[in-house]
N, C-alpha and C. Protein backbone atom coordinates (compact mmCIF):
# COMPACT_ATOMS: atom_id res chain seq x y z
N MET A 1 -14.02 4.37 -6.62
CA MET A 1 -12.85 4.11 -5.87
C MET A 1 -12.18 2.85 -6.37
N ASN A 2 -10.81 2.97 -6.53
CA ASN A 2 -10.05 1.87 -7.13
C ASN A 2 -9.34 1.06 -6.02
N PHE A 3 -9.94 -0.10 -5.68
CA PHE A 3 -9.39 -0.95 -4.65
C PHE A 3 -8.07 -1.66 -5.08
N HIS A 4 -7.77 -1.60 -6.40
CA HIS A 4 -6.55 -2.20 -6.89
C HIS A 4 -5.33 -1.41 -6.43
N VAL A 5 -5.53 -0.12 -6.23
CA VAL A 5 -4.42 0.74 -5.89
C VAL A 5 -4.26 0.74 -4.35
N ALA A 6 -3.45 -0.21 -3.84
CA ALA A 6 -3.34 -0.37 -2.36
C ALA A 6 -1.89 -0.64 -2.01
N SER A 7 -1.52 -0.11 -0.86
CA SER A 7 -0.16 -0.36 -0.36
C SER A 7 -0.14 -0.25 1.13
N PHE A 8 0.81 -0.91 1.75
CA PHE A 8 1.03 -0.76 3.21
C PHE A 8 1.56 0.61 3.51
N LYS A 9 1.08 1.26 4.54
CA LYS A 9 1.53 2.62 4.83
C LYS A 9 2.39 2.68 6.12
N ALA A 10 1.80 2.19 7.25
CA ALA A 10 2.59 2.28 8.51
C ALA A 10 1.94 1.43 9.57
N ALA A 11 2.69 1.08 10.61
CA ALA A 11 2.15 0.36 11.76
C ALA A 11 2.53 1.09 13.07
N TYR A 12 1.57 1.11 14.00
CA TYR A 12 1.85 1.84 15.24
C TYR A 12 1.54 0.97 16.43
N GLY A 13 2.42 1.03 17.43
CA GLY A 13 2.28 0.10 18.60
C GLY A 13 1.62 0.78 19.79
N THR A 14 1.50 2.11 19.77
CA THR A 14 0.68 2.77 20.84
C THR A 14 -0.21 3.86 20.20
N SER A 15 -1.29 4.19 20.86
CA SER A 15 -2.18 5.12 20.28
C SER A 15 -1.59 6.56 20.22
N ALA A 16 -0.60 6.79 21.10
CA ALA A 16 0.09 8.08 21.09
C ALA A 16 0.87 8.27 19.78
N GLN A 17 1.26 7.23 19.20
CA GLN A 17 2.09 7.31 17.93
C GLN A 17 1.23 7.68 16.71
N LEU A 18 -0.11 7.52 16.82
CA LEU A 18 -0.96 7.67 15.66
C LEU A 18 -0.90 9.10 15.13
N PRO A 19 -0.72 9.22 13.82
CA PRO A 19 -0.75 10.61 13.25
C PRO A 19 -2.17 11.13 13.24
N ALA A 20 -2.25 12.45 13.10
CA ALA A 20 -3.61 13.07 13.00
C ALA A 20 -4.30 12.57 11.80
N SER A 21 -5.64 12.46 11.94
CA SER A 21 -6.45 11.96 10.83
C SER A 21 -6.66 13.05 9.79
N ALA A 22 -6.19 12.81 8.56
CA ALA A 22 -6.23 13.88 7.53
C ALA A 22 -7.18 13.49 6.38
N ARG A 23 -7.73 12.31 6.37
CA ARG A 23 -8.62 11.89 5.27
C ARG A 23 -9.51 10.74 5.79
N PRO A 24 -10.56 10.43 5.11
CA PRO A 24 -11.50 9.40 5.60
C PRO A 24 -10.78 8.08 5.90
N GLU A 25 -11.25 7.48 7.00
CA GLU A 25 -10.69 6.22 7.40
C GLU A 25 -11.75 5.11 7.49
N VAL A 26 -11.43 3.93 7.00
CA VAL A 26 -12.28 2.80 7.11
C VAL A 26 -11.55 1.80 8.04
N SER A 27 -12.16 1.53 9.23
CA SER A 27 -11.51 0.70 10.21
C SER A 27 -12.13 -0.69 10.24
N PHE A 28 -11.27 -1.70 10.60
CA PHE A 28 -11.71 -3.08 10.66
C PHE A 28 -11.40 -3.61 12.03
N ALA A 29 -12.44 -4.07 12.74
CA ALA A 29 -12.27 -4.61 14.10
C ALA A 29 -12.92 -5.94 14.19
N GLY A 30 -12.39 -6.79 15.07
CA GLY A 30 -12.97 -8.10 15.25
C GLY A 30 -12.06 -9.01 16.07
N ARG A 31 -12.60 -10.19 16.39
CA ARG A 31 -11.80 -11.15 17.17
C ARG A 31 -10.53 -11.57 16.39
N SER A 32 -9.61 -12.06 17.13
CA SER A 32 -8.26 -12.34 16.48
C SER A 32 -8.29 -13.43 15.49
N ASN A 33 -9.36 -14.25 15.46
CA ASN A 33 -9.40 -15.35 14.50
C ASN A 33 -10.60 -15.23 13.52
N VAL A 34 -11.01 -13.99 13.33
CA VAL A 34 -12.25 -13.76 12.55
C VAL A 34 -12.02 -13.75 11.01
N GLY A 35 -10.72 -13.64 10.63
CA GLY A 35 -10.37 -13.56 9.21
C GLY A 35 -10.27 -12.20 8.71
N LYS A 36 -9.74 -11.28 9.53
CA LYS A 36 -9.67 -9.85 9.14
C LYS A 36 -8.63 -9.68 8.02
N SER A 37 -7.43 -10.24 8.20
CA SER A 37 -6.37 -10.06 7.15
C SER A 37 -6.84 -10.66 5.84
N SER A 38 -7.51 -11.78 5.83
CA SER A 38 -7.96 -12.40 4.60
C SER A 38 -8.98 -11.56 3.92
N LEU A 39 -9.83 -10.94 4.71
CA LEU A 39 -10.89 -10.01 4.15
C LEU A 39 -10.24 -8.80 3.50
N LEU A 40 -9.30 -8.20 4.25
CA LEU A 40 -8.59 -7.02 3.74
C LEU A 40 -7.87 -7.35 2.41
N ASN A 41 -7.21 -8.44 2.32
CA ASN A 41 -6.51 -8.85 1.13
C ASN A 41 -7.48 -9.01 -0.05
N LYS A 42 -8.67 -9.62 0.24
CA LYS A 42 -9.66 -9.83 -0.80
C LYS A 42 -10.20 -8.45 -1.31
N LEU A 43 -10.48 -7.57 -0.34
CA LEU A 43 -10.95 -6.22 -0.75
C LEU A 43 -9.96 -5.47 -1.60
N MET A 44 -8.66 -5.70 -1.32
CA MET A 44 -7.59 -4.92 -2.03
C MET A 44 -7.01 -5.69 -3.19
N TYR A 45 -7.65 -6.82 -3.56
CA TYR A 45 -7.18 -7.64 -4.66
C TYR A 45 -5.76 -8.13 -4.50
N ARG A 46 -5.43 -8.42 -3.27
CA ARG A 46 -4.05 -8.94 -2.96
C ARG A 46 -4.09 -10.24 -2.29
N LYS A 47 -2.94 -10.96 -2.35
CA LYS A 47 -2.81 -12.22 -1.65
C LYS A 47 -2.29 -12.15 -0.20
N ASN A 48 -1.25 -11.23 -0.05
CA ASN A 48 -0.66 -11.13 1.27
C ASN A 48 -0.21 -9.78 1.65
N LEU A 49 -0.93 -8.72 1.22
CA LEU A 49 -0.61 -7.36 1.63
C LEU A 49 -0.80 -7.26 3.15
N ALA A 50 -1.94 -7.76 3.60
CA ALA A 50 -2.19 -7.87 5.06
C ALA A 50 -1.74 -9.27 5.41
N LYS A 51 -0.81 -9.41 6.30
CA LYS A 51 -0.19 -10.68 6.66
C LYS A 51 -1.24 -11.62 7.31
N VAL A 52 -1.48 -12.76 6.68
CA VAL A 52 -2.36 -13.77 7.27
C VAL A 52 -1.54 -14.72 8.10
N SER A 53 -1.85 -14.89 9.38
CA SER A 53 -1.05 -15.76 10.25
C SER A 53 -1.92 -16.96 10.64
N GLN A 54 -1.22 -18.08 10.79
CA GLN A 54 -1.89 -19.33 11.30
C GLN A 54 -2.12 -19.17 12.84
N THR A 55 -1.42 -18.26 13.44
CA THR A 55 -1.53 -18.07 14.87
C THR A 55 -2.43 -16.86 15.14
N PRO A 56 -3.62 -17.03 15.73
CA PRO A 56 -4.46 -15.89 16.02
C PRO A 56 -3.74 -14.90 16.96
N GLY A 57 -4.13 -13.62 16.86
CA GLY A 57 -3.57 -12.68 17.78
C GLY A 57 -2.22 -12.12 17.37
N LYS A 58 -1.79 -12.35 16.09
CA LYS A 58 -0.51 -11.87 15.66
C LYS A 58 -0.48 -10.36 15.37
N THR A 59 -1.62 -9.79 15.00
CA THR A 59 -1.66 -8.38 14.75
C THR A 59 -1.61 -7.63 16.03
N ALA A 60 -0.45 -7.18 16.49
CA ALA A 60 -0.26 -6.46 17.76
C ALA A 60 -0.09 -4.97 17.54
N THR A 61 -0.30 -4.48 16.32
CA THR A 61 -0.17 -3.09 16.01
C THR A 61 -1.40 -2.59 15.26
N ILE A 62 -1.54 -1.29 15.15
CA ILE A 62 -2.60 -0.75 14.26
C ILE A 62 -1.93 -0.54 12.92
N ASN A 63 -2.38 -1.21 11.92
CA ASN A 63 -1.77 -1.15 10.59
C ASN A 63 -2.59 -0.29 9.65
N PHE A 64 -1.93 0.64 9.01
CA PHE A 64 -2.60 1.52 8.00
C PHE A 64 -2.24 1.10 6.60
N TYR A 65 -3.27 1.07 5.78
CA TYR A 65 -3.05 0.81 4.36
C TYR A 65 -3.61 1.99 3.55
N ASP A 66 -2.86 2.38 2.50
CA ASP A 66 -3.32 3.45 1.61
C ASP A 66 -4.09 2.75 0.44
N VAL A 67 -5.38 3.02 0.34
CA VAL A 67 -6.17 2.43 -0.75
C VAL A 67 -6.77 3.58 -1.55
N ASP A 68 -6.14 3.83 -2.67
CA ASP A 68 -6.62 4.90 -3.58
C ASP A 68 -6.73 6.23 -2.91
N GLY A 69 -5.79 6.51 -2.01
CA GLY A 69 -5.77 7.85 -1.38
C GLY A 69 -6.58 7.88 -0.09
N TYR A 70 -7.07 6.76 0.39
CA TYR A 70 -7.81 6.71 1.62
C TYR A 70 -7.16 5.71 2.58
N ASP A 71 -7.44 5.80 3.88
CA ASP A 71 -6.80 4.97 4.88
C ASP A 71 -7.73 3.81 5.30
N PHE A 72 -7.19 2.60 5.15
CA PHE A 72 -7.86 1.44 5.71
C PHE A 72 -7.06 1.11 6.99
N VAL A 73 -7.79 0.89 8.12
CA VAL A 73 -7.10 0.76 9.39
C VAL A 73 -7.38 -0.64 9.94
N ASP A 74 -6.37 -1.49 10.06
CA ASP A 74 -6.49 -2.85 10.61
C ASP A 74 -6.19 -2.78 12.10
N LEU A 75 -7.17 -2.94 12.91
CA LEU A 75 -7.07 -2.88 14.35
C LEU A 75 -6.65 -4.27 14.92
N PRO A 76 -5.94 -4.31 16.02
CA PRO A 76 -5.55 -5.58 16.61
C PRO A 76 -6.75 -6.42 16.92
N GLY A 77 -6.64 -7.76 16.64
CA GLY A 77 -7.73 -8.64 17.00
C GLY A 77 -7.90 -8.73 18.48
N TYR A 78 -9.08 -8.81 18.96
CA TYR A 78 -9.30 -8.92 20.42
C TYR A 78 -9.75 -10.33 20.82
N GLY A 79 -9.60 -10.61 22.09
CA GLY A 79 -10.17 -11.89 22.61
C GLY A 79 -9.31 -13.13 22.51
N TYR A 80 -8.04 -12.97 22.20
CA TYR A 80 -7.18 -14.15 22.10
C TYR A 80 -6.52 -14.36 23.48
N ALA A 81 -6.82 -15.51 24.06
CA ALA A 81 -6.43 -15.74 25.48
C ALA A 81 -4.96 -16.04 25.67
N LYS A 82 -4.31 -16.74 24.68
CA LYS A 82 -2.93 -17.22 24.86
C LYS A 82 -1.89 -16.13 24.66
N VAL A 83 -2.08 -15.03 25.32
CA VAL A 83 -1.17 -13.91 25.22
C VAL A 83 -1.02 -13.29 26.63
N ALA A 84 0.19 -12.81 26.93
CA ALA A 84 0.44 -12.21 28.23
C ALA A 84 -0.58 -11.09 28.50
N LYS A 85 -0.91 -10.93 29.77
CA LYS A 85 -1.96 -9.92 30.18
C LYS A 85 -1.44 -8.51 29.79
N SER A 86 -0.17 -8.33 29.83
CA SER A 86 0.40 -7.01 29.49
C SER A 86 0.16 -6.72 28.01
N GLU A 87 0.19 -7.72 27.16
CA GLU A 87 -0.08 -7.56 25.71
C GLU A 87 -1.56 -7.28 25.51
N ILE A 88 -2.43 -8.00 26.22
CA ILE A 88 -3.92 -7.81 26.11
C ILE A 88 -4.17 -6.38 26.52
N HIS A 89 -3.54 -5.90 27.56
CA HIS A 89 -3.85 -4.55 27.99
C HIS A 89 -3.33 -3.52 26.98
N ARG A 90 -2.19 -3.81 26.36
CA ARG A 90 -1.73 -2.89 25.29
C ARG A 90 -2.60 -2.87 24.09
N TRP A 91 -3.10 -4.02 23.70
CA TRP A 91 -4.04 -4.08 22.58
C TRP A 91 -5.27 -3.23 22.92
N SER A 92 -5.78 -3.46 24.15
CA SER A 92 -6.96 -2.68 24.57
C SER A 92 -6.76 -1.22 24.52
N GLU A 93 -5.56 -0.79 25.00
CA GLU A 93 -5.23 0.64 24.98
C GLU A 93 -5.13 1.15 23.56
N LEU A 94 -4.63 0.34 22.64
CA LEU A 94 -4.46 0.74 21.28
C LEU A 94 -5.86 0.95 20.64
N ILE A 95 -6.75 -0.02 20.83
CA ILE A 95 -8.12 0.06 20.19
C ILE A 95 -8.89 1.19 20.80
N GLU A 96 -8.90 1.29 22.13
CA GLU A 96 -9.63 2.36 22.78
C GLU A 96 -9.01 3.72 22.49
N GLY A 97 -7.70 3.78 22.49
CA GLY A 97 -6.99 5.02 22.18
C GLY A 97 -7.29 5.54 20.79
N TYR A 98 -7.40 4.60 19.85
CA TYR A 98 -7.69 4.96 18.48
C TYR A 98 -9.09 5.56 18.41
N PHE A 99 -10.11 4.86 18.99
CA PHE A 99 -11.46 5.32 18.87
C PHE A 99 -11.73 6.58 19.68
N ASN A 100 -10.93 6.85 20.69
CA ASN A 100 -11.13 8.06 21.52
C ASN A 100 -10.55 9.32 20.88
N GLN A 101 -9.84 9.17 19.77
CA GLN A 101 -9.27 10.31 19.10
C GLN A 101 -10.30 10.92 18.21
N ASP A 102 -10.06 12.19 17.84
CA ASP A 102 -10.95 12.85 16.89
C ASP A 102 -10.45 12.51 15.47
N ARG A 103 -11.07 11.51 14.87
CA ARG A 103 -10.59 11.03 13.58
C ARG A 103 -11.73 11.05 12.57
N ALA A 104 -11.37 10.96 11.31
CA ALA A 104 -12.41 11.00 10.23
C ALA A 104 -12.92 9.60 9.99
N PHE A 105 -13.78 9.12 10.91
CA PHE A 105 -14.30 7.77 10.77
C PHE A 105 -15.35 7.72 9.62
N ALA A 106 -15.01 7.14 8.54
CA ALA A 106 -16.01 6.98 7.46
C ALA A 106 -16.86 5.77 7.70
N LEU A 107 -16.20 4.64 8.21
CA LEU A 107 -16.99 3.43 8.42
C LEU A 107 -16.09 2.52 9.33
N VAL A 108 -16.73 1.95 10.29
CA VAL A 108 -16.07 0.87 11.08
C VAL A 108 -16.73 -0.47 10.68
N ALA A 109 -15.94 -1.41 10.19
CA ALA A 109 -16.40 -2.74 9.89
C ALA A 109 -16.24 -3.61 11.12
N SER A 110 -17.27 -4.01 11.70
CA SER A 110 -17.23 -4.90 12.91
C SER A 110 -17.38 -6.33 12.38
N LEU A 111 -16.24 -7.03 12.39
CA LEU A 111 -16.24 -8.44 11.79
C LEU A 111 -16.65 -9.47 12.83
N ILE A 112 -17.60 -10.34 12.46
CA ILE A 112 -18.03 -11.43 13.31
C ILE A 112 -18.11 -12.70 12.46
N ASP A 113 -17.63 -13.78 13.05
CA ASP A 113 -17.67 -15.13 12.36
C ASP A 113 -19.12 -15.58 12.29
N ILE A 114 -19.65 -15.79 11.10
CA ILE A 114 -21.00 -16.12 10.93
C ILE A 114 -21.40 -17.48 11.53
N ARG A 115 -20.39 -18.30 11.80
CA ARG A 115 -20.70 -19.64 12.31
C ARG A 115 -21.06 -19.65 13.79
N HIS A 116 -20.76 -18.58 14.44
CA HIS A 116 -20.96 -18.54 15.88
C HIS A 116 -21.86 -17.36 16.35
N ASP A 117 -22.45 -17.53 17.49
CA ASP A 117 -23.24 -16.40 18.05
C ASP A 117 -22.22 -15.32 18.49
N PRO A 118 -22.57 -14.08 18.49
CA PRO A 118 -21.61 -13.01 18.89
C PRO A 118 -21.10 -13.27 20.30
N SER A 119 -19.80 -13.15 20.48
CA SER A 119 -19.22 -13.26 21.81
C SER A 119 -19.55 -12.03 22.64
N ALA A 120 -19.22 -12.06 23.92
CA ALA A 120 -19.41 -10.85 24.79
C ALA A 120 -18.59 -9.75 24.25
N LEU A 121 -17.35 -10.00 23.75
CA LEU A 121 -16.51 -8.97 23.18
C LEU A 121 -17.08 -8.39 21.90
N ASP A 122 -17.64 -9.24 21.08
CA ASP A 122 -18.31 -8.75 19.86
C ASP A 122 -19.50 -7.79 20.21
N ARG A 123 -20.26 -8.25 21.17
CA ARG A 123 -21.43 -7.39 21.60
C ARG A 123 -20.94 -6.09 22.23
N ASN A 124 -19.86 -6.12 22.98
CA ASN A 124 -19.32 -4.95 23.60
C ASN A 124 -18.86 -3.96 22.52
N MET A 125 -18.20 -4.48 21.52
CA MET A 125 -17.72 -3.61 20.40
C MET A 125 -18.90 -2.93 19.72
N VAL A 126 -19.92 -3.70 19.38
CA VAL A 126 -21.09 -3.14 18.68
C VAL A 126 -21.82 -2.13 19.61
N GLU A 127 -21.92 -2.43 20.91
CA GLU A 127 -22.51 -1.52 21.85
C GLU A 127 -21.77 -0.20 21.91
N PHE A 128 -20.41 -0.31 21.87
CA PHE A 128 -19.58 0.86 21.93
C PHE A 128 -19.82 1.72 20.63
N LEU A 129 -19.82 1.04 19.51
CA LEU A 129 -20.02 1.77 18.23
C LEU A 129 -21.39 2.49 18.22
N LYS A 130 -22.38 1.79 18.78
CA LYS A 130 -23.74 2.39 18.85
C LYS A 130 -23.71 3.64 19.77
N SER A 131 -23.12 3.48 20.93
CA SER A 131 -23.14 4.56 21.94
C SER A 131 -22.29 5.73 21.50
N ALA A 132 -21.22 5.46 20.74
CA ALA A 132 -20.34 6.49 20.28
C ALA A 132 -20.92 7.18 18.97
N GLU A 133 -22.02 6.60 18.49
CA GLU A 133 -22.71 7.02 17.22
C GLU A 133 -21.69 7.12 16.05
N LEU A 134 -20.84 6.07 15.99
CA LEU A 134 -19.90 5.96 14.85
C LEU A 134 -20.63 5.19 13.68
N PRO A 135 -20.33 5.57 12.45
CA PRO A 135 -20.90 4.88 11.29
C PRO A 135 -20.28 3.48 11.24
N PHE A 136 -21.10 2.45 11.29
CA PHE A 136 -20.56 1.11 11.25
C PHE A 136 -21.43 0.14 10.50
N ALA A 137 -20.76 -0.98 10.15
CA ALA A 137 -21.47 -2.07 9.48
C ALA A 137 -21.01 -3.37 10.14
N VAL A 138 -21.87 -4.31 10.25
CA VAL A 138 -21.49 -5.65 10.74
C VAL A 138 -21.16 -6.52 9.49
N VAL A 139 -19.93 -7.05 9.48
CA VAL A 139 -19.49 -7.83 8.39
C VAL A 139 -19.33 -9.31 8.88
N LEU A 140 -20.17 -10.19 8.36
CA LEU A 140 -20.07 -11.58 8.78
C LEU A 140 -19.09 -12.34 7.88
N THR A 141 -18.14 -13.01 8.48
CA THR A 141 -17.09 -13.63 7.72
C THR A 141 -17.26 -15.13 7.70
N LYS A 142 -16.48 -15.79 6.79
CA LYS A 142 -16.43 -17.27 6.66
C LYS A 142 -17.75 -17.90 6.30
N ALA A 143 -18.50 -17.21 5.41
CA ALA A 143 -19.86 -17.69 5.04
C ALA A 143 -19.70 -19.01 4.23
N ASP A 144 -18.55 -19.25 3.57
CA ASP A 144 -18.33 -20.44 2.74
C ASP A 144 -18.43 -21.72 3.61
N LYS A 145 -18.33 -21.55 4.94
CA LYS A 145 -18.35 -22.70 5.83
C LYS A 145 -19.82 -23.23 6.03
N LEU A 146 -20.78 -22.40 5.63
CA LEU A 146 -22.21 -22.73 5.89
C LEU A 146 -22.96 -22.78 4.56
N SER A 147 -24.11 -23.54 4.53
CA SER A 147 -24.98 -23.55 3.41
C SER A 147 -25.75 -22.23 3.37
N ARG A 148 -26.34 -21.97 2.25
CA ARG A 148 -27.11 -20.68 2.10
C ARG A 148 -28.18 -20.58 3.16
N GLN A 149 -28.89 -21.67 3.42
CA GLN A 149 -29.94 -21.68 4.43
C GLN A 149 -29.40 -21.39 5.78
N GLN A 150 -28.27 -22.02 6.16
CA GLN A 150 -27.58 -21.80 7.46
C GLN A 150 -27.17 -20.34 7.58
N GLN A 151 -26.69 -19.76 6.43
CA GLN A 151 -26.24 -18.38 6.43
C GLN A 151 -27.41 -17.44 6.83
N MET A 152 -28.53 -17.65 6.16
CA MET A 152 -29.70 -16.80 6.42
C MET A 152 -30.16 -16.95 7.87
N LYS A 153 -30.14 -18.18 8.34
CA LYS A 153 -30.55 -18.39 9.76
C LYS A 153 -29.65 -17.71 10.75
N GLN A 154 -28.32 -17.82 10.53
CA GLN A 154 -27.34 -17.25 11.39
C GLN A 154 -27.36 -15.70 11.28
N ARG A 155 -27.56 -15.23 10.06
CA ARG A 155 -27.63 -13.78 9.90
C ARG A 155 -28.73 -13.17 10.73
N ALA A 156 -29.88 -13.80 10.68
CA ALA A 156 -31.07 -13.34 11.45
C ALA A 156 -30.82 -13.46 12.94
N ALA A 157 -30.18 -14.53 13.38
CA ALA A 157 -29.91 -14.72 14.78
C ALA A 157 -28.91 -13.70 15.31
N ILE A 158 -27.88 -13.45 14.54
CA ILE A 158 -26.81 -12.48 14.95
C ILE A 158 -27.41 -11.03 14.99
N LYS A 159 -28.21 -10.73 13.98
CA LYS A 159 -28.87 -9.38 13.95
C LYS A 159 -29.72 -9.23 15.20
N LYS A 160 -30.46 -10.21 15.59
CA LYS A 160 -31.28 -10.13 16.77
C LYS A 160 -30.43 -10.04 18.06
N ALA A 161 -29.38 -10.81 18.14
CA ALA A 161 -28.53 -10.83 19.34
C ALA A 161 -27.89 -9.47 19.53
N LEU A 162 -27.50 -8.81 18.46
CA LEU A 162 -26.79 -7.54 18.54
C LEU A 162 -27.75 -6.33 18.71
N ASP A 163 -29.05 -6.57 18.51
CA ASP A 163 -30.03 -5.49 18.61
C ASP A 163 -29.58 -4.26 17.85
N LEU A 164 -29.35 -4.45 16.56
CA LEU A 164 -28.79 -3.39 15.69
C LEU A 164 -29.85 -2.25 15.42
N PRO A 165 -29.41 -1.06 15.40
CA PRO A 165 -30.31 -0.01 15.00
C PRO A 165 -30.82 -0.22 13.57
N LYS A 166 -32.01 0.23 13.35
CA LYS A 166 -32.58 0.09 11.97
C LYS A 166 -31.72 0.73 10.95
N GLY A 167 -31.52 0.00 9.89
CA GLY A 167 -30.70 0.51 8.81
C GLY A 167 -29.21 0.23 8.87
N THR A 168 -28.75 -0.43 9.97
CA THR A 168 -27.37 -0.81 10.08
C THR A 168 -27.02 -1.85 9.04
N PRO A 169 -26.04 -1.56 8.14
CA PRO A 169 -25.69 -2.56 7.14
C PRO A 169 -25.13 -3.85 7.76
N MET A 170 -25.52 -4.96 7.16
CA MET A 170 -24.96 -6.22 7.54
C MET A 170 -24.59 -6.99 6.26
N VAL A 171 -23.34 -7.29 6.09
CA VAL A 171 -22.85 -7.99 4.87
C VAL A 171 -22.33 -9.33 5.15
N VAL A 172 -22.82 -10.33 4.44
CA VAL A 172 -22.33 -11.71 4.58
C VAL A 172 -21.22 -11.90 3.59
N THR A 173 -20.04 -12.26 4.07
CA THR A 173 -18.88 -12.36 3.19
C THR A 173 -18.14 -13.70 3.30
N SER A 174 -17.39 -13.99 2.24
CA SER A 174 -16.47 -15.11 2.23
C SER A 174 -15.19 -14.66 1.53
N SER A 175 -14.08 -14.60 2.22
CA SER A 175 -12.78 -14.26 1.61
C SER A 175 -12.34 -15.37 0.69
N GLU A 176 -12.78 -16.56 0.95
CA GLU A 176 -12.41 -17.75 0.21
C GLU A 176 -13.07 -17.73 -1.15
N LYS A 177 -14.38 -17.45 -1.21
CA LYS A 177 -15.14 -17.51 -2.47
C LYS A 177 -15.48 -16.15 -3.09
N GLY A 178 -15.27 -15.09 -2.29
CA GLY A 178 -15.58 -13.79 -2.77
C GLY A 178 -17.00 -13.32 -2.55
N ASP A 179 -17.76 -14.10 -1.87
CA ASP A 179 -19.19 -13.66 -1.55
C ASP A 179 -19.20 -12.38 -0.79
N GLY A 180 -20.08 -11.47 -1.22
CA GLY A 180 -20.28 -10.27 -0.50
C GLY A 180 -19.20 -9.17 -0.61
N ILE A 181 -18.07 -9.50 -1.26
CA ILE A 181 -16.92 -8.57 -1.32
C ILE A 181 -17.29 -7.33 -2.12
N ASP A 182 -17.97 -7.52 -3.31
CA ASP A 182 -18.37 -6.37 -4.11
C ASP A 182 -19.35 -5.52 -3.37
N GLU A 183 -20.28 -6.14 -2.64
CA GLU A 183 -21.25 -5.37 -1.78
C GLU A 183 -20.54 -4.55 -0.73
N LEU A 184 -19.49 -5.16 -0.11
CA LEU A 184 -18.72 -4.42 0.88
C LEU A 184 -17.94 -3.26 0.27
N ARG A 185 -17.37 -3.47 -0.88
CA ARG A 185 -16.65 -2.40 -1.57
C ARG A 185 -17.54 -1.25 -1.87
N ALA A 186 -18.81 -1.56 -2.32
CA ALA A 186 -19.77 -0.47 -2.61
C ALA A 186 -20.15 0.30 -1.38
N LEU A 187 -20.29 -0.46 -0.29
CA LEU A 187 -20.66 0.16 1.01
C LEU A 187 -19.55 1.08 1.46
N ILE A 188 -18.30 0.67 1.36
CA ILE A 188 -17.13 1.46 1.77
C ILE A 188 -17.03 2.70 0.89
N THR A 189 -17.20 2.56 -0.38
CA THR A 189 -17.09 3.66 -1.36
C THR A 189 -18.18 4.73 -0.96
N SER A 190 -19.34 4.26 -0.72
CA SER A 190 -20.48 5.19 -0.38
C SER A 190 -20.18 5.89 0.97
N ALA A 191 -19.64 5.16 1.94
CA ALA A 191 -19.34 5.73 3.25
C ALA A 191 -18.28 6.79 3.18
N ILE A 192 -17.25 6.52 2.40
CA ILE A 192 -16.14 7.49 2.17
C ILE A 192 -16.67 8.74 1.54
N LYS A 193 -17.50 8.64 0.53
CA LYS A 193 -18.06 9.77 -0.16
C LYS A 193 -18.86 10.64 0.81
N GLU A 194 -19.65 9.99 1.64
CA GLU A 194 -20.44 10.71 2.65
C GLU A 194 -19.59 11.44 3.65
N CYS A 195 -18.51 10.76 4.04
CA CYS A 195 -17.53 11.33 5.03
C CYS A 195 -16.89 12.57 4.47
N GLU A 196 -16.53 12.49 3.16
CA GLU A 196 -15.88 13.64 2.48
C GLU A 196 -16.83 14.78 2.39
N GLU A 197 -18.09 14.53 2.15
CA GLU A 197 -19.08 15.62 2.00
C GLU A 197 -19.37 16.30 3.36
N THR A 198 -19.23 15.53 4.41
CA THR A 198 -19.61 16.09 5.75
C THR A 198 -18.44 16.59 6.57
N SER A 199 -17.24 16.02 6.32
CA SER A 199 -16.11 16.31 7.22
C SER A 199 -15.00 17.11 6.57
N PHE A 200 -14.99 17.19 5.25
CA PHE A 200 -13.87 17.87 4.60
C PHE A 200 -14.31 18.96 3.64
């Protein structure tokens, strides 16, 4: 899979606007300040294809990117308090509406900041992915902020806190330094191939 071939496709403000799923999708979910846009840009060899904002919570739509003929789906960041309740409700509807549709989920990347213990919202997301039996991986971001020893310690603590099913991939990444990006690309490529073999 060629991650260099990437372009913005479309943005949707309500789940009802979402087109039917016609090819494997790789979705990215996480808190509003987890570094989702930076990770997407690193994966796609771009600087600002996914807009990186200094203000958390700016992604208020579901953004689709075409990556070598497959869909990367950037979901609105959750858990940002300084937003009107009506907006929080709309984001929630967007995310839930997306996951409740019959879509070709190849992989859901659940992003968590490695520096912190998983929040209640992080745990809720992972519990949902487990109960819905969706293929997912936990992607730990901002690893460059910690030493190698701290990374290993936090990885183990987060894995235990989330009570992950055996075999659930967990990738430690840094958008700043590129750590774990190739591993994540390989994981995505494998998940898409498996999805194609079983769903199409």
